[in-house]
Every structure is written in C-alpha cells, then in structure tokens.
N, C-alpha and C. Protein backbone atom coordinates (compact mmCIF):
# COMPACT_ATOMS: atom_id res chain seq x y z
N MET A 1 -5.50 -35.53 71.27
CA MET A 1 -6.05 -35.88 70.24
C MET A 1 -5.71 -34.70 69.24
N PHE A 2 -5.28 -34.98 67.91
CA PHE A 2 -5.00 -34.14 66.93
C PHE A 2 -6.08 -34.00 66.01
N ARG A 3 -6.77 -32.80 65.75
CA ARG A 3 -7.81 -32.62 64.86
C ARG A 3 -7.34 -32.45 63.32
N VAL A 4 -7.80 -33.46 62.36
CA VAL A 4 -7.04 -33.34 60.78
C VAL A 4 -8.00 -33.03 60.09
N LEU A 5 -7.67 -32.16 59.10
CA LEU A 5 -8.31 -31.85 57.71
C LEU A 5 -7.58 -32.51 56.75
N ILE A 6 -8.20 -33.40 55.91
CA ILE A 6 -7.77 -34.33 54.81
C ILE A 6 -8.17 -33.28 53.30
N VAL A 7 -7.02 -33.07 52.80
CA VAL A 7 -7.24 -32.38 51.26
C VAL A 7 -6.68 -32.99 50.20
N ASP A 8 -7.46 -33.56 49.34
CA ASP A 8 -6.97 -34.39 47.97
C ASP A 8 -8.34 -34.32 47.01
N ASP A 9 -7.92 -34.07 46.00
CA ASP A 9 -9.15 -34.17 44.85
C ASP A 9 -9.49 -35.59 44.33
N HIS A 10 -8.67 -36.60 44.94
CA HIS A 10 -9.00 -37.94 44.61
C HIS A 10 -9.59 -38.52 45.70
N LYS A 11 -10.87 -39.28 45.23
CA LYS A 11 -11.85 -39.66 46.36
C LYS A 11 -11.01 -40.98 47.03
N HIS A 12 -10.36 -41.80 46.41
CA HIS A 12 -9.41 -43.02 46.88
C HIS A 12 -8.34 -42.60 47.72
N ALA A 13 -7.78 -41.51 47.45
CA ALA A 13 -6.63 -40.98 48.13
C ALA A 13 -7.25 -40.53 49.63
N ARG A 14 -8.38 -39.77 49.65
CA ARG A 14 -9.06 -39.51 50.80
C ARG A 14 -9.39 -40.53 51.73
N GLU A 15 -9.85 -41.62 50.88
CA GLU A 15 -10.42 -42.81 51.98
C GLU A 15 -9.12 -43.41 52.15
N GLY A 16 -8.03 -43.51 51.76
CA GLY A 16 -6.93 -44.03 52.26
C GLY A 16 -6.22 -43.36 53.43
N MET A 17 -6.18 -41.97 53.38
CA MET A 17 -5.81 -41.48 54.35
C MET A 17 -6.81 -41.55 55.66
N ARG A 18 -8.07 -41.49 55.43
CA ARG A 18 -9.18 -41.79 56.33
C ARG A 18 -8.93 -43.00 56.92
N ALA A 19 -8.56 -44.05 56.25
CA ALA A 19 -8.42 -45.48 56.67
C ALA A 19 -7.23 -45.51 57.70
N ILE A 20 -6.15 -44.93 57.31
CA ILE A 20 -5.08 -44.95 58.05
C ILE A 20 -4.89 -44.35 59.25
N LEU A 21 -5.54 -43.16 59.53
CA LEU A 21 -5.65 -42.41 60.56
C LEU A 21 -6.78 -42.87 61.48
N GLY A 22 -7.71 -43.55 61.01
CA GLY A 22 -8.91 -44.28 61.72
C GLY A 22 -8.51 -45.33 62.71
N THR A 23 -7.45 -45.95 62.52
CA THR A 23 -6.97 -46.80 63.33
C THR A 23 -6.28 -46.24 64.71
N ASP A 24 -6.04 -45.28 64.67
CA ASP A 24 -5.27 -44.42 65.87
C ASP A 24 -6.02 -43.45 66.64
N ALA A 25 -6.44 -43.70 67.72
CA ALA A 25 -7.34 -42.58 68.64
C ALA A 25 -6.65 -41.40 68.65
N SER A 26 -5.37 -41.05 68.35
CA SER A 26 -4.50 -40.06 68.76
C SER A 26 -5.34 -38.84 67.45
N PHE A 27 -6.01 -39.31 66.65
CA PHE A 27 -6.30 -38.38 65.23
C PHE A 27 -7.84 -38.69 65.28
N GLU A 28 -8.42 -37.27 65.07
CA GLU A 28 -9.83 -36.98 64.69
C GLU A 28 -9.85 -36.37 63.59
N ILE A 29 -10.51 -36.94 62.44
CA ILE A 29 -10.71 -36.49 60.97
C ILE A 29 -11.81 -35.32 61.23
N VAL A 30 -11.85 -34.10 60.98
CA VAL A 30 -12.74 -33.07 61.25
C VAL A 30 -13.42 -32.53 59.92
N GLY A 31 -12.88 -33.13 58.57
CA GLY A 31 -13.20 -32.44 57.50
C GLY A 31 -12.41 -32.74 56.44
N GLU A 32 -13.10 -33.00 55.26
CA GLU A 32 -12.22 -33.25 54.09
C GLU A 32 -12.52 -32.29 52.80
N ALA A 33 -11.53 -31.95 51.93
CA ALA A 33 -11.63 -30.76 50.98
C ALA A 33 -11.08 -31.53 49.65
N THR A 34 -11.52 -30.85 48.65
CA THR A 34 -11.15 -31.40 47.34
C THR A 34 -10.26 -30.51 46.42
N SER A 35 -10.21 -29.38 46.95
CA SER A 35 -9.28 -28.21 46.46
C SER A 35 -8.65 -27.32 47.23
N GLY A 36 -7.95 -26.49 46.75
CA GLY A 36 -7.24 -25.58 47.64
C GLY A 36 -8.03 -24.67 48.33
N ARG A 37 -8.99 -24.06 47.57
CA ARG A 37 -9.95 -22.89 48.10
C ARG A 37 -11.04 -23.74 49.19
N GLU A 38 -11.38 -24.88 48.91
CA GLU A 38 -12.30 -25.55 49.66
C GLU A 38 -11.52 -25.73 50.97
N ALA A 39 -10.17 -26.18 51.02
CA ALA A 39 -9.20 -26.41 51.98
C ALA A 39 -9.13 -25.03 53.05
N ILE A 40 -9.08 -23.88 52.44
CA ILE A 40 -9.00 -22.73 53.00
C ILE A 40 -10.43 -22.43 53.75
N GLU A 41 -11.58 -22.69 53.32
CA GLU A 41 -13.04 -22.46 53.86
C GLU A 41 -13.02 -23.54 54.92
N LEU A 42 -12.73 -24.73 54.92
CA LEU A 42 -12.95 -25.71 55.71
C LEU A 42 -11.79 -25.47 56.95
N THR A 43 -10.56 -25.06 56.70
CA THR A 43 -9.71 -24.64 57.90
C THR A 43 -10.50 -23.61 58.68
N GLU A 44 -11.05 -22.56 58.19
CA GLU A 44 -11.76 -21.43 58.92
C GLU A 44 -12.82 -21.95 59.80
N ARG A 45 -13.48 -22.98 59.15
CA ARG A 45 -14.66 -23.61 59.64
C ARG A 45 -14.34 -24.56 60.91
N CYS A 46 -13.50 -25.32 60.56
CA CYS A 46 -12.99 -26.65 61.48
C CYS A 46 -11.98 -26.44 62.38
N MET A 47 -11.07 -25.58 62.11
CA MET A 47 -9.92 -25.28 62.93
C MET A 47 -9.13 -26.15 63.17
N PRO A 48 -8.55 -27.36 62.51
CA PRO A 48 -7.76 -28.33 62.39
C PRO A 48 -6.52 -28.11 63.35
N ASP A 49 -5.86 -29.11 63.93
CA ASP A 49 -4.39 -28.94 64.63
C ASP A 49 -3.61 -29.25 63.11
N LEU A 50 -3.89 -30.11 62.24
CA LEU A 50 -3.14 -30.47 61.14
C LEU A 50 -3.99 -30.69 59.93
N VAL A 51 -3.26 -30.16 58.73
CA VAL A 51 -3.98 -30.42 57.52
C VAL A 51 -2.85 -31.39 56.75
N LEU A 52 -3.38 -32.34 55.93
CA LEU A 52 -2.95 -33.16 55.08
C LEU A 52 -3.27 -32.65 53.73
N MET A 53 -2.24 -32.15 53.01
CA MET A 53 -2.55 -31.25 52.00
C MET A 53 -1.86 -31.95 50.59
N ASP A 54 -2.75 -32.24 49.87
CA ASP A 54 -2.24 -32.78 48.24
C ASP A 54 -1.76 -31.63 47.39
N ILE A 55 -0.54 -31.66 46.80
CA ILE A 55 -0.02 -30.69 45.94
C ILE A 55 -0.66 -30.34 44.80
N HIS A 56 -0.80 -31.23 44.01
CA HIS A 56 -1.62 -31.09 42.60
C HIS A 56 -3.13 -31.05 42.77
N MET A 57 -3.92 -29.97 42.69
CA MET A 57 -5.15 -29.91 42.56
C MET A 57 -5.97 -28.84 41.67
N PRO A 58 -7.20 -28.90 41.17
CA PRO A 58 -7.72 -27.97 40.34
C PRO A 58 -8.08 -26.56 41.29
N ALA A 59 -8.12 -25.67 40.52
CA ALA A 59 -8.97 -24.37 41.13
C ALA A 59 -7.73 -23.53 41.87
N MET A 60 -7.22 -24.27 42.93
CA MET A 60 -6.07 -23.62 43.78
C MET A 60 -5.30 -24.92 44.19
N ASP A 61 -4.02 -24.98 43.95
CA ASP A 61 -3.15 -26.16 44.22
C ASP A 61 -2.56 -26.15 45.62
N GLY A 62 -2.18 -26.96 46.31
CA GLY A 62 -1.92 -27.06 47.47
C GLY A 62 -1.01 -26.25 48.01
N LEU A 63 0.06 -25.78 47.12
CA LEU A 63 1.06 -24.99 47.60
C LEU A 63 0.50 -23.47 47.89
N GLU A 64 -0.39 -22.91 47.00
CA GLU A 64 -0.90 -21.83 47.27
C GLU A 64 -1.94 -21.73 48.39
N ALA A 65 -2.69 -22.81 48.77
CA ALA A 65 -3.70 -22.93 49.75
C ALA A 65 -2.74 -23.04 51.03
N THR A 66 -1.52 -23.65 51.04
CA THR A 66 -0.60 -23.66 52.15
C THR A 66 -0.38 -22.28 52.79
N LYS A 67 -0.04 -21.66 51.49
CA LYS A 67 0.68 -20.05 51.87
C LYS A 67 -0.56 -19.33 52.43
N ALA A 68 -1.73 -19.47 51.95
CA ALA A 68 -3.00 -18.73 52.36
C ALA A 68 -3.25 -19.11 53.96
N ILE A 69 -3.16 -20.26 54.17
CA ILE A 69 -3.73 -20.90 55.63
C ILE A 69 -2.49 -20.48 56.58
N LYS A 70 -1.32 -20.65 56.14
CA LYS A 70 -0.26 -20.21 57.08
C LYS A 70 -0.28 -18.81 57.40
N GLU A 71 -0.67 -18.04 56.35
CA GLU A 71 -0.60 -16.56 56.58
C GLU A 71 -1.62 -16.09 57.62
N LYS A 72 -2.94 -16.81 57.48
CA LYS A 72 -3.76 -16.39 58.39
C LYS A 72 -3.79 -17.21 59.84
N TYR A 73 -3.19 -18.61 59.71
CA TYR A 73 -3.39 -19.31 60.88
C TYR A 73 -1.78 -20.09 60.97
N PRO A 74 -1.04 -19.24 61.49
CA PRO A 74 0.50 -19.78 61.35
C PRO A 74 0.66 -21.20 62.23
N TYR A 75 -0.14 -21.13 63.13
CA TYR A 75 0.04 -22.37 64.19
C TYR A 75 -0.61 -23.74 63.77
N ILE A 76 -1.42 -23.73 62.69
CA ILE A 76 -1.83 -24.85 62.21
C ILE A 76 -0.67 -25.43 61.28
N LYS A 77 -0.51 -26.85 61.38
CA LYS A 77 0.56 -27.56 60.84
C LYS A 77 0.06 -28.12 59.48
N ILE A 78 0.78 -27.96 58.48
CA ILE A 78 0.52 -28.45 57.28
C ILE A 78 1.50 -29.43 56.86
N VAL A 79 1.15 -30.65 56.32
CA VAL A 79 1.90 -31.69 55.90
C VAL A 79 1.47 -32.11 54.24
N MET A 80 2.37 -31.94 53.55
CA MET A 80 2.13 -32.39 51.89
C MET A 80 2.07 -33.60 51.78
N VAL A 81 1.19 -34.19 50.98
CA VAL A 81 1.05 -35.59 50.67
C VAL A 81 1.14 -35.72 49.26
N THR A 82 1.99 -36.45 48.88
CA THR A 82 2.54 -36.61 47.42
C THR A 82 2.76 -37.82 46.87
N VAL A 83 2.90 -38.18 45.62
CA VAL A 83 3.14 -39.55 45.23
C VAL A 83 4.83 -39.47 44.72
N SER A 84 5.26 -38.41 44.72
CA SER A 84 6.72 -38.16 44.10
C SER A 84 7.45 -37.43 45.27
N ALA A 85 8.60 -37.78 45.44
CA ALA A 85 9.51 -37.05 46.35
C ALA A 85 10.43 -35.93 45.52
N ASP A 86 9.35 -35.13 44.72
CA ASP A 86 9.95 -33.98 43.96
C ASP A 86 10.64 -33.09 44.68
N ILE A 87 11.82 -32.95 44.96
CA ILE A 87 12.53 -32.07 46.20
C ILE A 87 12.22 -30.58 45.61
N ALA A 88 11.96 -30.03 44.35
CA ALA A 88 11.60 -28.87 44.13
C ALA A 88 10.28 -28.64 44.69
N HIS A 89 9.21 -29.38 44.38
CA HIS A 89 7.88 -29.12 45.00
C HIS A 89 8.00 -29.13 46.55
N LEU A 90 8.66 -30.02 47.11
CA LEU A 90 8.62 -30.20 48.49
C LEU A 90 9.25 -28.96 49.28
N PHE A 91 10.27 -28.55 48.69
CA PHE A 91 11.15 -27.40 49.15
C PHE A 91 10.17 -26.14 48.89
N GLU A 92 9.56 -26.00 47.99
CA GLU A 92 8.67 -24.83 47.63
C GLU A 92 7.47 -24.78 48.73
N ALA A 93 7.08 -26.04 49.15
CA ALA A 93 5.86 -26.19 50.01
C ALA A 93 6.61 -25.76 51.65
N LEU A 94 7.63 -26.12 51.84
CA LEU A 94 8.34 -25.51 53.26
C LEU A 94 8.52 -24.10 53.12
N LYS A 95 8.89 -23.42 52.23
CA LYS A 95 8.86 -22.16 51.83
C LYS A 95 7.80 -21.33 52.17
N LYS A 96 6.81 -22.00 51.80
CA LYS A 96 5.28 -21.36 51.98
C LYS A 96 4.62 -21.69 53.27
N GLY A 97 5.59 -22.53 54.11
CA GLY A 97 5.06 -22.59 55.50
C GLY A 97 4.62 -24.19 55.98
N ALA A 98 4.70 -24.84 55.14
CA ALA A 98 4.54 -26.42 55.49
C ALA A 98 5.69 -26.94 56.33
N GLN A 99 5.24 -27.94 57.27
CA GLN A 99 5.96 -28.52 58.21
C GLN A 99 6.49 -29.84 57.70
N GLY A 100 6.19 -30.30 56.65
CA GLY A 100 6.97 -31.63 56.20
C GLY A 100 6.20 -32.31 55.17
N TYR A 101 6.39 -33.38 54.91
CA TYR A 101 5.83 -34.09 53.63
C TYR A 101 5.61 -35.51 53.87
N LEU A 102 4.68 -36.22 53.42
CA LEU A 102 4.59 -37.72 53.20
C LEU A 102 4.21 -38.33 51.89
N LEU A 103 4.97 -39.23 51.56
CA LEU A 103 4.86 -39.91 50.33
C LEU A 103 3.67 -41.00 50.40
N LYS A 104 2.66 -41.14 49.58
CA LYS A 104 1.40 -41.93 49.59
C LYS A 104 1.59 -43.28 49.80
N ASN A 105 2.85 -43.80 49.31
CA ASN A 105 3.12 -45.20 49.34
C ASN A 105 4.01 -45.61 50.53
N LEU A 106 4.22 -44.68 51.45
CA LEU A 106 4.59 -45.28 52.98
C LEU A 106 3.65 -46.09 53.68
N HIS A 107 4.26 -47.03 54.38
CA HIS A 107 3.65 -47.81 55.39
C HIS A 107 2.84 -47.05 56.20
N PRO A 108 1.37 -47.50 56.63
CA PRO A 108 0.58 -46.75 57.25
C PRO A 108 1.24 -46.42 58.88
N GLN A 109 1.88 -47.42 59.33
CA GLN A 109 2.68 -46.93 60.49
C GLN A 109 3.51 -45.99 60.61
N GLU A 110 4.02 -45.77 59.42
CA GLU A 110 5.24 -44.70 59.40
C GLU A 110 4.27 -43.51 59.18
N TRP A 111 3.49 -43.42 58.41
CA TRP A 111 2.68 -42.19 58.49
C TRP A 111 2.15 -41.61 59.75
N ARG A 112 1.52 -42.67 60.45
CA ARG A 112 1.13 -42.28 61.82
C ARG A 112 2.25 -41.71 62.72
N ARG A 113 3.45 -42.38 62.75
CA ARG A 113 4.20 -42.09 63.53
C ARG A 113 4.88 -40.63 63.20
N TYR A 114 4.95 -40.41 61.90
CA TYR A 114 5.72 -38.91 61.27
C TYR A 114 4.64 -37.95 61.77
N LEU A 115 3.41 -38.14 61.48
CA LEU A 115 2.24 -36.99 61.90
C LEU A 115 2.37 -36.79 63.37
N ARG A 116 2.55 -37.79 64.15
CA ARG A 116 2.64 -37.44 65.65
C ARG A 116 3.85 -36.52 65.84
N ALA A 117 4.79 -36.88 65.15
CA ALA A 117 6.19 -36.02 65.26
C ALA A 117 6.00 -34.66 64.87
N VAL A 118 5.29 -34.56 63.61
CA VAL A 118 4.93 -33.02 63.27
C VAL A 118 3.95 -32.38 64.16
N ALA A 119 3.02 -33.09 64.64
CA ALA A 119 2.19 -32.47 65.68
C ALA A 119 2.85 -31.92 66.84
N LEU A 120 3.82 -32.75 67.11
CA LEU A 120 4.39 -32.10 68.55
C LEU A 120 5.81 -31.58 68.11
N ASP A 121 6.02 -31.20 66.94
CA ASP A 121 7.03 -30.44 66.64
C ASP A 121 8.41 -31.08 66.96
N GLU A 122 8.41 -32.31 66.48
CA GLU A 122 9.65 -33.33 66.63
C GLU A 122 9.98 -34.03 65.38
N ALA A 123 9.57 -33.74 64.28
CA ALA A 123 9.84 -34.26 62.96
C ALA A 123 11.12 -33.88 62.51
N PRO A 124 12.21 -34.52 62.23
CA PRO A 124 13.43 -33.92 61.58
C PRO A 124 13.30 -33.52 60.16
N LEU A 125 14.17 -32.70 59.71
CA LEU A 125 14.18 -32.34 58.34
C LEU A 125 14.46 -33.32 57.28
N GLY A 126 15.41 -34.03 57.57
CA GLY A 126 16.38 -35.10 56.46
C GLY A 126 17.35 -34.50 55.94
N ARG A 127 18.31 -35.07 55.66
CA ARG A 127 19.52 -34.33 55.07
C ARG A 127 19.37 -33.79 53.73
N GLU A 128 18.60 -34.26 52.82
CA GLU A 128 18.17 -33.73 51.58
C GLU A 128 17.86 -32.34 51.64
N LEU A 129 16.85 -32.29 52.19
CA LEU A 129 15.82 -31.07 52.67
C LEU A 129 16.85 -29.90 53.24
N ALA A 130 17.68 -30.62 54.32
CA ALA A 130 18.70 -29.54 55.19
C ALA A 130 19.54 -28.92 54.10
N LEU A 131 20.20 -29.93 53.13
CA LEU A 131 21.02 -29.21 52.13
C LEU A 131 20.57 -28.39 51.24
N ARG A 132 19.17 -28.52 50.85
CA ARG A 132 18.49 -27.53 49.87
C ARG A 132 18.29 -26.42 50.64
N ILE A 133 17.94 -26.28 51.79
CA ILE A 133 18.06 -24.92 52.44
C ILE A 133 19.07 -24.13 52.57
N LEU A 134 20.23 -25.15 52.86
CA LEU A 134 21.60 -24.49 52.93
C LEU A 134 22.00 -23.75 51.61
N GLN A 135 21.58 -24.45 50.67
CA GLN A 135 21.92 -23.78 49.34
C GLN A 135 21.06 -22.38 49.14
N GLU A 136 19.91 -22.54 49.57
CA GLU A 136 19.11 -21.52 49.29
C GLU A 136 19.40 -20.07 50.37
N PHE A 137 19.66 -20.78 51.48
CA PHE A 137 19.98 -19.35 52.57
C PHE A 137 21.44 -19.38 52.99
N SER A 138 22.28 -19.47 51.92
CA SER A 138 23.67 -19.48 52.17
C SER A 138 24.24 -18.31 52.97
N PRO A 139 25.08 -18.26 53.90
CA PRO A 139 25.42 -17.03 54.96
C PRO A 139 25.93 -15.96 54.21
N GLN A 140 26.72 -15.96 52.79
CA GLN A 140 27.28 -14.90 52.38
C GLN A 140 26.08 -13.98 51.88
N ARG A 141 25.04 -14.70 51.62
CA ARG A 141 23.81 -13.84 51.00
C ARG A 141 23.11 -13.07 52.05
N GLN A 142 23.44 -12.94 53.36
CA GLN A 142 22.58 -12.57 54.40
C GLN A 142 23.45 -11.27 54.93
N PRO A 143 22.55 -10.29 55.34
CA PRO A 143 23.33 -9.25 56.09
C PRO A 143 23.62 -9.75 57.61
N LYS A 144 24.79 -8.75 58.09
CA LYS A 144 25.01 -8.85 59.30
C LYS A 144 23.85 -8.64 60.37
N SER A 145 23.82 -9.39 61.44
CA SER A 145 22.73 -9.06 62.18
C SER A 145 23.21 -9.17 63.77
N GLU A 146 22.35 -8.93 64.81
CA GLU A 146 22.61 -8.84 66.05
C GLU A 146 23.43 -10.30 66.76
N PRO A 147 24.09 -10.05 67.80
CA PRO A 147 24.55 -11.51 68.44
C PRO A 147 23.44 -12.24 68.77
N SER A 148 23.83 -13.64 68.53
CA SER A 148 22.53 -14.67 69.10
C SER A 148 22.35 -14.69 70.53
N PRO A 149 21.10 -14.78 70.67
CA PRO A 149 20.79 -14.81 72.18
C PRO A 149 20.88 -16.31 72.98
N LEU A 150 21.39 -17.23 72.10
CA LEU A 150 21.29 -18.49 72.56
C LEU A 150 22.64 -19.00 73.26
N THR A 151 22.75 -19.91 74.32
CA THR A 151 23.62 -20.23 74.99
C THR A 151 24.40 -21.47 74.08
N GLY A 152 25.57 -21.66 74.65
CA GLY A 152 26.37 -22.80 73.94
C GLY A 152 25.82 -24.14 73.61
N ARG A 153 25.06 -24.31 74.86
CA ARG A 153 24.44 -25.61 74.47
C ARG A 153 23.27 -25.65 73.31
N GLU A 154 22.49 -24.40 73.46
CA GLU A 154 21.51 -24.25 72.50
C GLU A 154 22.10 -24.18 71.12
N HIS A 155 23.21 -23.54 70.98
CA HIS A 155 23.84 -23.60 69.52
C HIS A 155 24.21 -25.03 69.12
N ASP A 156 24.65 -25.88 69.98
CA ASP A 156 24.98 -27.20 69.78
C ASP A 156 23.59 -28.01 69.20
N ILE A 157 22.80 -27.69 69.76
CA ILE A 157 21.22 -28.36 69.53
C ILE A 157 20.89 -27.76 68.01
N LEU A 158 20.91 -26.44 67.95
CA LEU A 158 20.45 -25.70 66.68
C LEU A 158 21.36 -26.35 65.52
N ARG A 159 22.48 -26.59 65.65
CA ARG A 159 23.41 -27.11 64.63
C ARG A 159 23.17 -28.40 64.26
N LEU A 160 22.74 -29.25 65.30
CA LEU A 160 22.39 -30.63 64.87
C LEU A 160 20.66 -30.68 64.39
N VAL A 161 19.94 -29.71 64.55
CA VAL A 161 18.66 -29.51 64.22
C VAL A 161 18.78 -29.23 62.63
N ALA A 162 19.78 -28.13 62.32
CA ALA A 162 19.84 -27.71 60.87
C ALA A 162 20.62 -29.06 60.11
N LYS A 163 21.32 -29.82 60.79
CA LYS A 163 21.92 -30.92 60.26
C LYS A 163 20.73 -32.17 59.58
N GLY A 164 19.58 -32.02 60.20
CA GLY A 164 18.31 -32.77 59.99
C GLY A 164 18.30 -34.01 60.88
N LEU A 165 18.88 -33.92 62.00
CA LEU A 165 18.86 -34.98 63.17
C LEU A 165 17.57 -34.92 63.82
N PRO A 166 16.79 -36.03 64.16
CA PRO A 166 15.84 -35.94 65.07
C PRO A 166 16.22 -35.96 66.59
N ASN A 167 15.25 -35.67 67.35
CA ASN A 167 15.59 -35.46 68.95
C ASN A 167 16.24 -36.42 69.21
N ARG A 168 15.91 -37.77 69.15
CA ARG A 168 16.75 -39.16 69.72
C ARG A 168 18.12 -38.96 69.56
N GLU A 169 18.57 -38.68 68.34
CA GLU A 169 20.15 -38.69 67.61
C GLU A 169 20.82 -37.51 68.42
N ILE A 170 20.02 -36.30 68.50
CA ILE A 170 20.64 -35.25 69.11
C ILE A 170 21.04 -35.61 70.67
N ALA A 171 19.95 -36.27 71.38
CA ALA A 171 20.38 -36.49 72.74
C ALA A 171 21.44 -37.39 72.77
N LEU A 172 21.58 -38.32 71.83
CA LEU A 172 22.76 -39.25 71.87
C LEU A 172 24.13 -38.55 71.69
N GLN A 173 24.16 -37.59 70.54
CA GLN A 173 25.40 -37.00 70.27
C GLN A 173 25.69 -36.10 71.52
N LEU A 174 24.95 -35.45 72.29
CA LEU A 174 25.03 -34.44 73.27
C LEU A 174 25.18 -35.16 74.78
N ASP A 175 24.73 -36.51 74.57
CA ASP A 175 24.95 -37.23 75.91
C ASP A 175 23.84 -36.66 76.96
N ILE A 176 22.63 -36.24 76.58
CA ILE A 176 21.74 -35.69 77.45
C ILE A 176 20.28 -36.46 77.01
N SER A 177 19.24 -36.18 77.75
CA SER A 177 18.11 -36.99 77.53
C SER A 177 17.16 -36.43 76.57
N GLU A 178 16.24 -37.08 76.02
CA GLU A 178 15.66 -36.72 74.91
C GLU A 178 14.71 -35.56 75.49
N HIS A 179 14.04 -35.86 76.61
CA HIS A 179 13.32 -34.83 77.31
C HIS A 179 13.93 -33.48 77.49
N THR A 180 15.44 -33.57 77.63
CA THR A 180 16.14 -32.30 77.81
C THR A 180 16.21 -31.43 76.32
N VAL A 181 16.35 -32.47 75.57
CA VAL A 181 16.28 -31.74 73.95
C VAL A 181 15.16 -31.03 73.83
N LYS A 182 14.01 -31.54 74.09
CA LYS A 182 12.75 -30.97 73.85
C LYS A 182 12.53 -29.61 74.52
N ASN A 183 13.10 -29.80 75.86
CA ASN A 183 12.97 -28.56 76.70
C ASN A 183 13.88 -27.38 76.09
N HIS A 184 15.12 -27.84 75.39
CA HIS A 184 16.09 -26.84 74.71
C HIS A 184 15.51 -26.24 73.64
N LEU A 185 14.80 -27.02 72.81
CA LEU A 185 13.98 -26.62 71.60
C LEU A 185 12.98 -25.59 71.75
N LYS A 186 12.13 -25.90 72.79
CA LYS A 186 10.92 -24.85 73.27
C LYS A 186 11.76 -23.75 73.59
N ASN A 187 12.84 -23.56 74.22
CA ASN A 187 13.65 -22.52 74.79
C ASN A 187 14.08 -21.58 73.59
N ILE A 188 14.63 -22.41 72.59
CA ILE A 188 15.40 -21.81 71.41
C ILE A 188 14.05 -21.11 70.53
N LEU A 189 13.25 -21.82 70.39
CA LEU A 189 12.00 -21.28 69.33
C LEU A 189 11.39 -20.24 69.95
N HIS A 190 11.37 -20.12 71.43
CA HIS A 190 10.75 -19.01 72.20
C HIS A 190 11.81 -17.65 72.17
N LYS A 191 13.13 -17.94 72.08
CA LYS A 191 14.03 -16.62 72.14
C LYS A 191 14.20 -16.23 70.76
N LEU A 192 14.05 -17.01 69.75
CA LEU A 192 14.20 -16.38 68.41
C LEU A 192 12.83 -16.46 67.66
N HIS A 193 11.76 -16.55 68.53
CA HIS A 193 10.28 -16.20 67.88
C HIS A 193 10.17 -16.85 66.54
N LEU A 194 10.43 -18.33 66.64
CA LEU A 194 10.12 -18.79 65.69
C LEU A 194 9.27 -20.00 65.90
N GLU A 195 8.68 -20.96 64.91
CA GLU A 195 7.54 -21.60 64.98
C GLU A 195 7.83 -23.17 65.00
N ASN A 196 8.87 -23.45 64.10
CA ASN A 196 9.27 -24.93 63.89
C ASN A 196 10.60 -25.23 63.37
N ARG A 197 10.84 -26.45 63.14
CA ARG A 197 12.18 -26.93 63.05
C ARG A 197 12.59 -26.25 61.39
N VAL A 198 11.85 -26.23 60.58
CA VAL A 198 11.93 -25.70 59.36
C VAL A 198 12.64 -24.03 59.42
N GLN A 199 11.99 -23.54 60.35
CA GLN A 199 12.42 -22.23 60.39
C GLN A 199 13.60 -21.98 61.28
N LEU A 200 13.85 -23.01 62.25
CA LEU A 200 15.08 -23.14 62.81
C LEU A 200 16.20 -23.25 61.93
N ALA A 201 16.04 -24.24 60.92
CA ALA A 201 17.11 -24.57 59.94
C ALA A 201 17.57 -23.32 59.05
N ARG A 202 16.38 -22.74 58.75
CA ARG A 202 16.75 -21.42 57.99
C ARG A 202 17.69 -20.48 58.87
N TYR A 203 17.08 -20.32 60.12
CA TYR A 203 17.67 -19.46 60.86
C TYR A 203 19.35 -19.94 61.01
N ALA A 204 19.51 -20.97 61.13
CA ALA A 204 20.64 -21.40 61.34
C ALA A 204 21.89 -21.28 60.22
N PHE A 205 21.21 -21.51 58.91
CA PHE A 205 21.86 -21.24 57.70
C PHE A 205 22.34 -19.83 57.49
N GLU A 206 21.30 -19.17 57.71
CA GLU A 206 21.49 -17.51 57.65
C GLU A 206 22.53 -16.95 58.69
N LYS A 207 22.86 -17.77 59.72
CA LYS A 207 23.90 -17.42 60.57
C LYS A 207 25.03 -18.27 60.51
N GLY A 208 25.14 -19.09 59.28
CA GLY A 208 26.40 -19.62 58.85
C GLY A 208 26.62 -21.00 59.98
N ILE A 209 25.34 -21.31 60.68
CA ILE A 209 25.54 -22.72 61.23
C ILE A 209 24.99 -23.73 60.56
N SER A 210 25.32 -24.30 59.67
CA SER A 210 24.92 -25.15 58.73
C SER A 210 24.81 -26.58 59.35
N GLY A 211 25.74 -27.08 60.19
CA GLY A 211 25.71 -28.32 60.68
C GLY A 211 26.00 -29.69 59.80
N ILE A 212 26.30 -29.16 58.49
CA ILE A 212 26.58 -29.95 57.36
C ILE A 212 27.97 -29.83 56.84
N GLY A 213 28.66 -31.04 56.87
CA GLY A 213 30.11 -30.81 56.25
C GLY A 213 30.46 -32.18 55.93
C-alpha cells in the first residue's frame, strides 16, 4: 500500500483525487493540504510515499513546495497534477525533483496505473519531456568526466530510458524479460547514485547518450 498526500487549493479537485484513489486498495490517503506551505508541514507529519501536488496555489506554489520537500526527503515521490500539459511548467517541476505529472482530465484508471508505476520507479518520461531534457543538458555544455561504471547492456537500457520508453518496450527491444529490465535499472541507479528515471535521463544526456534521433 502506498501512502498518499493530496495537495490542491480547490476542494472539488481534492474530492476528485480522493474518489479516484479510494477505489484502489493500493493507495491510502494520509492527508490533504491546500497550499505549498501546508504540504511541507503535512509531509513532515504524515511521511507519505507519494505526493499529488497542484502547481498553482496561494502562499507557496507547488513548484517551490516540491523543491523544499525533495531537498529534505529525496525518497518521497512527487507527481504534479495540472489541468494543462504546459511543458515549461512540467519541465520546471522535474528539475525541482518531481517524478512525473498527471492531467486532471485523464481517465481514473490511467491515474491509478500511472501512480503505481511512479511509486515503483517504472513510469516512462515520454518523448516530449525526454527531448526537453536533451535540449537543456546537451553534451557539449558538460565537462569531461570519469569513464562510466556501466556494462554494455546497462548502457543499452540507459539509452532506451533516455528515449522515454517504458520497461515493457525496453524488454521487447532488447529481447529480455521485463523483470530483467527492472533488475538492471536497480543496478544502474545504485552504480550512479541516482534515484529515478528523470535523473537517469539527465545523466544520459550529459554523457551524450540521448537515445533520440
């Protein structure tokens, strides 16, 4: 079961999220906040596994709250919840530590599927976000670094993660099982001292392994 904190200044939005997650025993709602500051306070009090964070809120917006929470609790996963797929806002949220985003008009089943994937570190980036990260962290802007500790197969998986592919498609392309992909990803994250796929993609782009062409 994943402990969830809902953060949104609109009552109906919070009710909607509560209703979506309330039908799935995988999720337990441990608190609701109406501002970024309240989200930080409730995070410290409730220690959720997952935070659903609205972007636009009074007092402190979701972007700043995300940054503050991730600095103190990097292992807590944060998903931005928005009515608009504004790539600028979403990319800024990822840079502040968010693991992904959800559009409020998505089907409830898609919500639950995506949140389970995020909680398990299996959610893909998507091609548009992968391209945006590539533009922001192009190889020519990065200094030379030490040789990679990854094996050839791990480099193959890293390249496909950077391309925005989910585990299932990575497994199909490399002709291995999805379970094997998950194990490789755990090893890659451990070797590189990283926490999630967003950080993996950034690492790949900094090393010139974009996977996009």
